[in-house]
Amino acid sequence: MNSLSTLAVNVIPDPTPVVPPEAGGLLTILNWASGIGLVLGVLGVIIVGIGMVIQLQRGEGGQALAKLGWVLLGCIIITSAAGIVRAFV
């Protein structure tokens, strides 16, 4: 078993990804999209917080907590998008 794992380590290549210089514009667009998504996520949390205050004053239930969960889930997906894609590629 040990010789099999040694053979696999010696045979299977381990390439390191390199970003080509032509991808500079694409990386700029991706950085902008990520930044805009995070700003919108913060705005979403603020809007949900305002909705929670209004619902509290009206005596309504905590439906805003579900909305807050969706907004936070979206923020988590935005911030971990590169890691998610890297896991599948």
C-alpha atoms as a PDB file:
ATOM      1  CA  MET A   1       0.000   0.000   0.000  1.00  0.00           C
ATOM      2  CA  ASN A   2       2.815   2.375   0.798  1.00  0.00           C
ATOM      3  CA  SER A   3       4.526   1.770  -2.546  1.00  0.00           C
ATOM      4  CA  LEU A   4       1.192   2.422  -4.294  1.00  0.00           C
ATOM      5  CA  SER A   5       0.806   5.829  -2.656  1.00  0.00           C
ATOM      6  CA  THR A   6       4.437   6.658  -3.479  1.00  0.00           C
ATOM      7  CA  LEU A   7       3.822   5.700  -7.110  1.00  0.00           C
ATOM      8  CA  ALA A   8       0.687   7.887  -7.234  1.00  0.00           C
ATOM      9  CA  VAL A   9       2.580  10.881  -5.846  1.00  0.00           C
ATOM     10  CA  ASN A  10       5.358  10.427  -8.414  1.00  0.00           C
ATOM     11  CA  VAL A  11       3.067   9.884 -11.416  1.00  0.00           C
ATOM     12  CA  ILE A  12       0.207  12.354 -10.862  1.00  0.00           C
ATOM     13  CA  PRO A  13       1.248  15.911 -11.778  1.00  0.00           C
ATOM     14  CA  ASP A  14       0.413  18.820  -9.485  1.00  0.00           C
ATOM     15  CA  PRO A  15       0.171  21.925 -11.708  1.00  0.00           C
ATOM     16  CA  THR A  16       0.070  25.386 -10.201  1.00  0.00           C
ATOM     17  CA  PRO A  17      -2.479  27.715 -11.803  1.00  0.00           C
ATOM     18  CA  VAL A  18      -1.087  30.878 -13.350  1.00  0.00           C
ATOM     19  CA  VAL A  19      -3.253  33.818 -14.401  1.00  0.00           C
ATOM     20  CA  PRO A  20      -2.295  34.991 -17.889  1.00  0.00           C
ATOM     21  CA  PRO A  21      -1.450  38.689 -18.286  1.00  0.00           C
ATOM     22  CA  GLU A  22      -4.365  39.122 -20.706  1.00  0.00           C
ATOM     23  CA  ALA A  23      -6.840  38.407 -17.875  1.00  0.00           C
ATOM     24  CA  GLY A  24      -6.217  41.747 -16.147  1.00  0.00           C
ATOM     25  CA  GLY A  25      -9.468  43.276 -17.401  1.00  0.00           C
ATOM     26  CA  LEU A  26     -11.488  40.233 -16.426  1.00  0.00           C
ATOM     27  CA  LEU A  27     -10.018  40.258 -12.925  1.00  0.00           C
ATOM     28  CA  THR A  28     -10.921  43.937 -12.600  1.00  0.00           C
ATOM     29  CA  ILE A  29     -14.520  43.165 -13.571  1.00  0.00           C
ATOM     30  CA  LEU A  30     -14.655  40.277 -11.076  1.00  0.00           C
ATOM     31  CA  ASN A  31     -13.280  42.489  -8.300  1.00  0.00           C
ATOM     32  CA  TRP A  32     -15.841  45.184  -9.081  1.00  0.00           C
ATOM     33  CA  ALA A  33     -18.684  42.639  -9.151  1.00  0.00           C
ATOM     34  CA  SER A  34     -17.594  41.217  -5.801  1.00  0.00           C
ATOM     35  CA  GLY A  35     -17.325  44.672  -4.256  1.00  0.00           C
ATOM     36  CA  ILE A  36     -20.725  45.749  -5.575  1.00  0.00           C
ATOM     37  CA  GLY A  37     -22.275  42.503  -4.329  1.00  0.00           C
ATOM     38  CA  LEU A  38     -20.890  43.063  -0.835  1.00  0.00           C
ATOM     39  CA  VAL A  39     -22.064  46.679  -0.763  1.00  0.00           C
ATOM     40  CA  LEU A  40     -25.540  45.511  -1.792  1.00  0.00           C
ATOM     41  CA  GLY A  41     -25.361  42.847   0.919  1.00  0.00           C
ATOM     42  CA  VAL A  42     -24.649  45.480   3.574  1.00  0.00           C
ATOM     43  CA  LEU A  43     -27.506  47.576   2.184  1.00  0.00           C
ATOM     44  CA  GLY A  44     -29.747  44.506   2.363  1.00  0.00           C
ATOM     45  CA  VAL A  45     -28.889  43.940   6.018  1.00  0.00           C
ATOM     46  CA  ILE A  46     -29.691  47.589   6.761  1.00  0.00           C
ATOM     47  CA  ILE A  47     -33.030  47.360   4.927  1.00  0.00           C
ATOM     48  CA  VAL A  48     -33.954  44.158   6.765  1.00  0.00           C
ATOM     49  CA  GLY A  49     -33.033  45.840  10.060  1.00  0.00           C
ATOM     50  CA  ILE A  50     -35.325  48.764   9.262  1.00  0.00           C
ATOM     51  CA  GLY A  51     -38.089  46.301   8.399  1.00  0.00           C
ATOM     52  CA  MET A  52     -37.561  44.527  11.723  1.00  0.00           C
ATOM     53  CA  VAL A  53     -37.950  47.807  13.626  1.00  0.00           C
ATOM     54  CA  ILE A  54     -41.163  48.616  11.740  1.00  0.00           C
ATOM     55  CA  GLN A  55     -42.557  45.121  12.329  1.00  0.00           C
ATOM     56  CA  LEU A  56     -41.673  45.333  16.017  1.00  0.00           C
ATOM     57  CA  GLN A  57     -43.592  48.591  16.367  1.00  0.00           C
ATOM     58  CA  ARG A  58     -46.614  47.068  14.608  1.00  0.00           C
ATOM     59  CA  GLY A  59     -46.493  43.945  16.771  1.00  0.00           C
ATOM     60  CA  GLU A  60     -46.029  41.602  13.808  1.00  0.00           C
ATOM     61  CA  GLY A  61     -44.047  38.377  13.837  1.00  0.00           C
ATOM     62  CA  GLY A  62     -40.375  37.919  13.074  1.00  0.00           C
ATOM     63  CA  GLN A  63     -40.636  37.277   9.348  1.00  0.00           C
ATOM     64  CA  ALA A  64     -37.707  39.609   8.847  1.00  0.00           C
ATOM     65  CA  LEU A  65     -35.389  37.045  10.439  1.00  0.00           C
ATOM     66  CA  ALA A  66     -35.900  34.760   7.449  1.00  0.00           C
ATOM     67  CA  LYS A  67     -35.097  37.658   5.125  1.00  0.00           C
ATOM     68  CA  LEU A  68     -31.995  38.422   7.160  1.00  0.00           C
ATOM     69  CA  GLY A  69     -30.928  34.792   6.844  1.00  0.00           C
ATOM     70  CA  TRP A  70     -31.258  34.933   3.055  1.00  0.00           C
ATOM     71  CA  VAL A  71     -29.292  38.187   2.876  1.00  0.00           C
ATOM     72  CA  LEU A  72     -26.522  36.778   5.048  1.00  0.00           C
ATOM     73  CA  LEU A  73     -26.455  33.560   3.017  1.00  0.00           C
ATOM     74  CA  GLY A  74     -26.040  35.654  -0.126  1.00  0.00           C
ATOM     75  CA  CYS A  75     -23.153  37.548   1.472  1.00  0.00           C
ATOM     76  CA  ILE A  76     -21.483  34.277   2.454  1.00  0.00           C
ATOM     77  CA  ILE A  77     -21.819  32.958  -1.095  1.00  0.00           C
ATOM     78  CA  ILE A  78     -20.405  36.185  -2.558  1.00  0.00           C
ATOM     79  CA  THR A  79     -17.382  36.174  -0.269  1.00  0.00           C
ATOM     80  CA  SER A  80     -16.659  32.482  -0.795  1.00  0.00           C
ATOM     81  CA  ALA A  81     -17.377  32.386  -4.540  1.00  0.00           C
ATOM     82  CA  ALA A  82     -13.731  31.951  -5.506  1.00  0.00           C
ATOM     83  CA  GLY A  83     -13.281  29.073  -3.072  1.00  0.00           C
ATOM     84  CA  ILE A  84     -16.481  27.379  -4.244  1.00  0.00           C
ATOM     85  CA  VAL A  85     -15.417  27.556  -7.885  1.00  0.00           C
ATOM     86  CA  ARG A  86     -11.886  26.437  -7.030  1.00  0.00           C
ATOM     87  CA  ALA A  87     -13.316  23.353  -5.289  1.00  0.00           C
ATOM     88  CA  PHE A  88     -15.150  22.255  -8.444  1.00  0.00           C
ATOM     89  CA  VAL A  89     -12.451  23.080 -11.012  1.00  0.00           C
END
